[in-house]
């Protein structure tokens, strides 16, 4: 976790991102991980990001930002 990909241009980068997402979801869903405390700053950052409005789909524009 904590890795960031710089480009979304290629199909291989998208597959890598999806693979990392699946690996992370499998890791955090393990029963022994449920008892671990979560970092309060990480949770606050996640809540802030999820509270932002969704971007409108614009032709030829990427929904991803390097600022994330």
PDB file of N, CA and C in Angstrom:
ATOM      1  N   UNK A   1       0.844  -1.178   0.000  1.00  0.00           N
ATOM      2  CA  UNK A   1       0.000   0.000   0.000  1.00  0.00           C
ATOM      3  C   UNK A   1       0.886   1.238   0.000  1.00  0.00           C
ATOM      4  N   UNK A   2       0.314   2.365  -0.320  1.00  0.00           N
ATOM      5  CA  UNK A   2       1.070   3.585  -0.320  1.00  0.00           C
ATOM      6  C   UNK A   2       1.804   3.853  -1.626  1.00  0.00           C
ATOM      7  N   UNK A   3       1.666   2.976  -2.593  1.00  0.00           N
ATOM      8  CA  UNK A   3       2.324   3.185  -3.876  1.00  0.00           C
ATOM      9  C   UNK A   3       1.435   4.045  -4.755  1.00  0.00           C
ATOM     10  N   UNK A   4       2.081   4.869  -5.578  1.00  0.00           N
ATOM     11  CA  UNK A   4       1.321   5.683  -6.509  1.00  0.00           C
ATOM     12  C   UNK A   4       1.855   5.461  -7.911  1.00  0.00           C
ATOM     13  N   UNK A   5       0.959   5.370  -8.850  1.00  0.00           N
ATOM     14  CA  UNK A   5       1.342   5.250 -10.253  1.00  0.00           C
ATOM     15  C   UNK A   5       1.280   6.633 -10.877  1.00  0.00           C
ATOM     16  N   UNK A   6       2.249   6.969 -11.705  1.00  0.00           N
ATOM     17  CA  UNK A   6       2.300   8.300 -12.288  1.00  0.00           C
ATOM     18  C   UNK A   6       1.495   8.428 -13.579  1.00  0.00           C
ATOM     19  N   UNK A   7       1.275   7.360 -14.301  1.00  0.00           N
ATOM     20  CA  UNK A   7       0.576   7.497 -15.568  1.00  0.00           C
ATOM     21  C   UNK A   7      -0.563   6.516 -15.711  1.00  0.00           C
ATOM     22  N   UNK A   8      -1.563   6.922 -16.436  1.00  0.00           N
ATOM     23  CA  UNK A   8      -2.730   6.065 -16.698  1.00  0.00           C
ATOM     24  C   UNK A   8      -2.880   5.870 -18.203  1.00  0.00           C
ATOM     25  N   UNK A   9      -1.829   6.041 -18.943  1.00  0.00           N
ATOM     26  CA  UNK A   9      -1.913   6.018 -20.390  1.00  0.00           C
ATOM     27  C   UNK A   9      -1.996   4.611 -20.970  1.00  0.00           C
ATOM     28  N   UNK A  10      -1.350   3.653 -20.355  1.00  0.00           N
ATOM     29  CA  UNK A  10      -1.277   2.334 -20.975  1.00  0.00           C
ATOM     30  C   UNK A  10      -2.204   1.333 -20.295  1.00  0.00           C
ATOM     31  N   UNK A  11      -2.546   0.318 -21.051  1.00  0.00           N
ATOM     32  CA  UNK A  11      -3.378  -0.752 -20.498  1.00  0.00           C
ATOM     33  C   UNK A  11      -2.625  -1.505 -19.419  1.00  0.00           C
ATOM     34  N   UNK A  12      -1.307  -1.647 -19.562  1.00  0.00           N
ATOM     35  CA  UNK A  12      -0.531  -2.361 -18.548  1.00  0.00           C
ATOM     36  C   UNK A  12      -0.528  -1.596 -17.229  1.00  0.00           C
ATOM     37  N   UNK A  13      -0.498  -0.257 -17.279  1.00  0.00           N
ATOM     38  CA  UNK A  13      -0.560   0.544 -16.056  1.00  0.00           C
ATOM     39  C   UNK A  13      -1.920   0.369 -15.387  1.00  0.00           C
ATOM     40  N   UNK A  14      -2.971   0.294 -16.175  1.00  0.00           N
ATOM     41  CA  UNK A  14      -4.303   0.092 -15.614  1.00  0.00           C
ATOM     42  C   UNK A  14      -4.424  -1.291 -14.991  1.00  0.00           C
ATOM     43  N   UNK A  15      -3.862  -2.308 -15.644  1.00  0.00           N
ATOM     44  CA  UNK A  15      -3.882  -3.665 -15.076  1.00  0.00           C
ATOM     45  C   UNK A  15      -3.074  -3.721 -13.793  1.00  0.00           C
ATOM     46  N   UNK A  16      -1.933  -3.041 -13.762  1.00  0.00           N
ATOM     47  CA  UNK A  16      -1.110  -3.004 -12.558  1.00  0.00           C
ATOM     48  C   UNK A  16      -1.876  -2.347 -11.417  1.00  0.00           C
ATOM     49  N   UNK A  17      -2.539  -1.232 -11.699  1.00  0.00           N
ATOM     50  CA  UNK A  17      -3.321  -0.541 -10.676  1.00  0.00           C
ATOM     51  C   UNK A  17      -4.437  -1.441 -10.146  1.00  0.00           C
ATOM     52  N   UNK A  18      -5.135  -2.108 -11.048  1.00  0.00           N
ATOM     53  CA  UNK A  18      -6.223  -2.989 -10.636  1.00  0.00           C
ATOM     54  C   UNK A  18      -5.687  -4.160  -9.823  1.00  0.00           C
ATOM     55  N   UNK A  19      -4.568  -4.704 -10.223  1.00  0.00           N
ATOM     56  CA  UNK A  19      -3.945  -5.794  -9.480  1.00  0.00           C
ATOM     57  C   UNK A  19      -3.548  -5.351  -8.075  1.00  0.00           C
ATOM     58  N   UNK A  20      -2.979  -4.148  -7.972  1.00  0.00           N
ATOM     59  CA  UNK A  20      -2.613  -3.616  -6.651  1.00  0.00           C
ATOM     60  C   UNK A  20      -3.856  -3.391  -5.792  1.00  0.00           C
ATOM     61  N   UNK A  21      -4.932  -2.911  -6.390  1.00  0.00           N
ATOM     62  CA  UNK A  21      -6.175  -2.693  -5.659  1.00  0.00           C
ATOM     63  C   UNK A  21      -6.721  -4.008  -5.115  1.00  0.00           C
ATOM     64  N   UNK A  22      -6.741  -5.037  -5.948  1.00  0.00           N
ATOM     65  CA  UNK A  22      -7.241  -6.349  -5.522  1.00  0.00           C
ATOM     66  C   UNK A  22      -6.369  -6.922  -4.412  1.00  0.00           C
ATOM     67  N   UNK A  23      -5.046  -6.822  -4.568  1.00  0.00           N
ATOM     68  CA  UNK A  23      -4.136  -7.310  -3.522  1.00  0.00           C
ATOM     69  C   UNK A  23      -4.379  -6.599  -2.197  1.00  0.00           C
ATOM     70  N   UNK A  24      -4.567  -5.287  -2.251  1.00  0.00           N
ATOM     71  CA  UNK A  24      -4.814  -4.506  -1.039  1.00  0.00           C
ATOM     72  C   UNK A  24      -6.133  -4.894  -0.396  1.00  0.00           C
ATOM     73  N   UNK A  25      -7.176  -5.058  -1.202  1.00  0.00           N
ATOM     74  CA  UNK A  25      -8.477  -5.433  -0.659  1.00  0.00           C
ATOM     75  C   UNK A  25      -8.428  -6.822  -0.022  1.00  0.00           C
ATOM     76  N   UNK A  26      -7.701  -7.749  -0.648  1.00  0.00           N
ATOM     77  CA  UNK A  26      -7.560  -9.078  -0.055  1.00  0.00           C
ATOM     78  C   UNK A  26      -6.787  -9.013   1.258  1.00  0.00           C
ATOM     79  N   UNK A  27      -5.750  -8.188   1.293  1.00  0.00           N
ATOM     80  CA  UNK A  27      -4.932  -8.056   2.507  1.00  0.00           C
ATOM     81  C   UNK A  27      -5.748  -7.492   3.672  1.00  0.00           C
ATOM     82  N   UNK A  28      -6.490  -6.418   3.416  1.00  0.00           N
ATOM     83  CA  UNK A  28      -7.214  -5.790   4.526  1.00  0.00           C
ATOM     84  C   UNK A  28      -8.469  -6.560   4.930  1.00  0.00           C
ATOM     85  N   UNK A  29      -8.907  -7.507   4.121  1.00  0.00           N
ATOM     86  CA  UNK A  29     -10.096  -8.278   4.478  1.00  0.00           C
ATOM     87  C   UNK A  29      -9.763  -9.513   5.324  1.00  0.00           C
ATOM     88  N   UNK A  30      -8.474  -9.743   5.567  1.00  0.00           N
ATOM     89  CA  UNK A  30      -8.098 -10.886   6.398  1.00  0.00           C
ATOM     90  C   UNK A  30      -8.604 -10.668   7.825  1.00  0.00           C
ATOM     91  N   UNK A  31      -9.136 -11.717   8.478  1.00  0.00           N
ATOM     92  CA  UNK A  31      -9.728 -11.559   9.816  1.00  0.00           C
ATOM     93  C   UNK A  31      -8.762 -10.972  10.850  1.00  0.00           C
ATOM     94  N   UNK A  32      -7.495 -11.340  10.800  1.00  0.00           N
ATOM     95  CA  UNK A  32      -6.559 -10.829  11.801  1.00  0.00           C
ATOM     96  C   UNK A  32      -6.272  -9.339  11.630  1.00  0.00           C
ATOM     97  N   UNK A  33      -6.568  -8.780  10.476  1.00  0.00           N
ATOM     98  CA  UNK A  33      -6.367  -7.342  10.253  1.00  0.00           C
ATOM     99  C   UNK A  33      -7.505  -6.506  10.826  1.00  0.00           C
ATOM    100  N   UNK A  34      -8.638  -7.121  11.105  1.00  0.00           N
ATOM    101  CA  UNK A  34      -9.799  -6.380  11.610  1.00  0.00           C
ATOM    102  C   UNK A  34      -9.548  -5.796  13.000  1.00  0.00           C
ATOM    103  N   UNK A  35      -8.675  -6.400  13.766  1.00  0.00           N
ATOM    104  CA  UNK A  35      -8.399  -5.926  15.124  1.00  0.00           C
ATOM    105  C   UNK A  35      -7.338  -4.837  15.174  1.00  0.00           C
ATOM    106  N   UNK A  36      -6.692  -4.544  14.065  1.00  0.00           N
ATOM    107  CA  UNK A  36      -5.655  -3.522  14.039  1.00  0.00           C
ATOM    108  C   UNK A  36      -6.288  -2.135  14.023  1.00  0.00           C
ATOM    109  N   UNK A  37      -5.737  -1.216  14.816  1.00  0.00           N
ATOM    110  CA  UNK A  37      -6.277   0.149  14.805  1.00  0.00           C
ATOM    111  C   UNK A  37      -5.924   0.869  13.506  1.00  0.00           C
ATOM    112  N   UNK A  38      -6.793   1.785  13.096  1.00  0.00           N
ATOM    113  CA  UNK A  38      -6.555   2.571  11.892  1.00  0.00           C
ATOM    114  C   UNK A  38      -5.942   3.911  12.279  1.00  0.00           C
ATOM    115  N   UNK A  39      -5.080   4.418  11.422  1.00  0.00           N
ATOM    116  CA  UNK A  39      -4.464   5.720  11.627  1.00  0.00           C
ATOM    117  C   UNK A  39      -5.533   6.804  11.460  1.00  0.00           C
ATOM    118  N   UNK A  40      -5.689   7.655  12.473  1.00  0.00           N
ATOM    119  CA  UNK A  40      -6.726   8.686  12.461  1.00  0.00           C
ATOM    120  C   UNK A  40      -6.514   9.683  11.324  1.00  0.00           C
ATOM    121  N   UNK A  41      -5.257  10.036  11.029  1.00  0.00           N
ATOM    122  CA  UNK A  41      -4.991  10.973   9.936  1.00  0.00           C
ATOM    123  C   UNK A  41      -5.339  10.364   8.585  1.00  0.00           C
ATOM    124  N   UNK A  42      -5.049   9.090   8.424  1.00  0.00           N
ATOM    125  CA  UNK A  42      -5.389   8.406   7.181  1.00  0.00           C
ATOM    126  C   UNK A  42      -6.899   8.356   6.992  1.00  0.00           C
ATOM    127  N   UNK A  43      -7.619   8.049   8.050  1.00  0.00           N
ATOM    128  CA  UNK A  43      -9.085   8.019   7.956  1.00  0.00           C
ATOM    129  C   UNK A  43      -9.650   9.404   7.639  1.00  0.00           C
ATOM    130  N   UNK A  44      -9.091  10.440   8.244  1.00  0.00           N
ATOM    131  CA  UNK A  44      -9.560  11.803   7.974  1.00  0.00           C
ATOM    132  C   UNK A  44      -9.307  12.185   6.521  1.00  0.00           C
ATOM    133  N   UNK A  45      -8.132  11.819   5.998  1.00  0.00           N
ATOM    134  CA  UNK A  45      -7.818  12.127   4.600  1.00  0.00           C
ATOM    135  C   UNK A  45      -8.751  11.366   3.661  1.00  0.00           C
ATOM    136  N   UNK A  46      -9.033  10.118   3.985  1.00  0.00           N
ATOM    137  CA  UNK A  46      -9.935   9.319   3.158  1.00  0.00           C
ATOM    138  C   UNK A  46     -11.342   9.900   3.178  1.00  0.00           C
ATOM    139  N   UNK A  47     -11.814  10.281   4.347  1.00  0.00           N
ATOM    140  CA  UNK A  47     -13.157  10.886   4.442  1.00  0.00           C
ATOM    141  C   UNK A  47     -13.228  12.183   3.648  1.00  0.00           C
ATOM    142  N   UNK A  48     -12.162  12.991   3.715  1.00  0.00           N
ATOM    143  CA  UNK A  48     -12.137  14.256   2.974  1.00  0.00           C
ATOM    144  C   UNK A  48     -12.183  13.999   1.472  1.00  0.00           C
ATOM    145  N   UNK A  49     -11.426  13.012   1.012  1.00  0.00           N
ATOM    146  CA  UNK A  49     -11.414  12.717  -0.417  1.00  0.00           C
ATOM    147  C   UNK A  49     -12.759  12.175  -0.875  1.00  0.00           C
ATOM    148  N   UNK A  50     -13.373  11.316  -0.067  1.00  0.00           N
ATOM    149  CA  UNK A  50     -14.672  10.747  -0.451  1.00  0.00           C
ATOM    150  C   UNK A  50     -15.797  11.772  -0.378  1.00  0.00           C
ATOM    151  N   UNK A  51     -15.629  12.842   0.398  1.00  0.00           N
ATOM    152  CA  UNK A  51     -16.679  13.849   0.512  1.00  0.00           C
ATOM    153  C   UNK A  51     -16.674  14.827  -0.662  1.00  0.00           C
ATOM    154  N   UNK A  52     -15.601  14.818  -1.461  1.00  0.00           N
ATOM    155  CA  UNK A  52     -15.536  15.707  -2.623  1.00  0.00           C
ATOM    156  C   UNK A  52     -16.546  15.251  -3.677  1.00  0.00           C
ATOM    157  N   UNK A  53     -17.096  16.209  -4.416  1.00  0.00           N
ATOM    158  CA  UNK A  53     -18.038  15.813  -5.474  1.00  0.00           C
ATOM    159  C   UNK A  53     -17.318  15.082  -6.599  1.00  0.00           C
ATOM    160  N   UNK A  54     -18.042  14.217  -7.237  1.00  0.00           N
ATOM    161  CA  UNK A  54     -17.488  13.477  -8.376  1.00  0.00           C
ATOM    162  C   UNK A  54     -17.282  14.435  -9.535  1.00  0.00           C
ATOM    163  N   UNK A  55     -16.225  14.211 -10.297  1.00  0.00           N
ATOM    164  CA  UNK A  55     -15.958  15.051 -11.461  1.00  0.00           C
ATOM    165  C   UNK A  55     -16.892  14.659 -12.597  1.00  0.00           C
ATOM    166  N   UNK A  56     -17.343  15.663 -13.318  1.00  0.00           N
ATOM    167  CA  UNK A  56     -18.169  15.407 -14.504  1.00  0.00           C
ATOM    168  C   UNK A  56     -17.286  14.807 -15.585  1.00  0.00           C
ATOM    169  N   UNK A  57     -17.823  13.896 -16.344  1.00  0.00           N
ATOM    170  CA  UNK A  57     -17.079  13.267 -17.432  1.00  0.00           C
ATOM    171  C   UNK A  57     -16.979  14.237 -18.598  1.00  0.00           C
ATOM    172  N   UNK A  58     -15.767  14.602 -18.947  1.00  0.00           N
ATOM    173  CA  UNK A  58     -15.520  15.507 -20.058  1.00  0.00           C
ATOM    174  C   UNK A  58     -14.795  14.711 -21.142  1.00  0.00           C
ATOM    175  N   UNK A  59     -15.233  14.803 -22.385  1.00  0.00           N
ATOM    176  CA  UNK A  59     -14.545  14.052 -23.449  1.00  0.00           C
ATOM    177  C   UNK A  59     -13.059  14.397 -23.497  1.00  0.00           C
ATOM    178  N   UNK A  60     -12.235  13.383 -23.650  1.00  0.00           N
ATOM    179  CA  UNK A  60     -10.785  13.500 -23.777  1.00  0.00           C
ATOM    180  C   UNK A  60     -10.095  13.996 -22.510  1.00  0.00           C
ATOM    181  N   UNK A  61     -10.782  13.973 -21.380  1.00  0.00           N
ATOM    182  CA  UNK A  61     -10.167  14.389 -20.117  1.00  0.00           C
ATOM    183  C   UNK A  61     -10.034  13.169 -19.217  1.00  0.00           C
ATOM    184  N   UNK A  62      -9.015  13.165 -18.418  1.00  0.00           N
ATOM    185  CA  UNK A  62      -8.788  12.062 -17.499  1.00  0.00           C
ATOM    186  C   UNK A  62      -9.520  12.333 -16.189  1.00  0.00           C
ATOM    187  N   UNK A  63     -10.082  11.279 -15.603  1.00  0.00           N
ATOM    188  CA  UNK A  63     -10.736  11.397 -14.306  1.00  0.00           C
ATOM    189  C   UNK A  63      -9.721  11.314 -13.174  1.00  0.00           C
ATOM    190  N   UNK A  64      -8.459  11.070 -13.521  1.00  0.00           N
ATOM    191  CA  UNK A  64      -7.423  10.903 -12.510  1.00  0.00           C
ATOM    192  C   UNK A  64      -6.545  12.134 -12.457  1.00  0.00           C
ATOM    193  N   UNK A  65      -6.045  12.407 -11.285  1.00  0.00           N
ATOM    194  CA  UNK A  65      -5.209  13.575 -11.086  1.00  0.00           C
ATOM    195  C   UNK A  65      -3.916  13.175 -10.406  1.00  0.00           C
ATOM    196  N   UNK A  66      -2.823  13.810 -10.751  1.00  0.00           N
ATOM    197  CA  UNK A  66      -1.562  13.550 -10.091  1.00  0.00           C
ATOM    198  C   UNK A  66      -1.517  14.188  -8.701  1.00  0.00           C
ATOM    199  N   UNK A  67      -2.516  15.027  -8.382  1.00  0.00           N
ATOM    200  CA  UNK A  67      -2.566  15.665  -7.067  1.00  0.00           C
ATOM    201  C   UNK A  67      -3.099  14.723  -5.999  1.00  0.00           C
ATOM    202  N   UNK A  68      -3.714  13.613  -6.362  1.00  0.00           N
ATOM    203  CA  UNK A  68      -4.297  12.690  -5.377  1.00  0.00           C
ATOM    204  C   UNK A  68      -3.223  12.089  -4.536  1.00  0.00           C
TER     205      UNK A  68
END
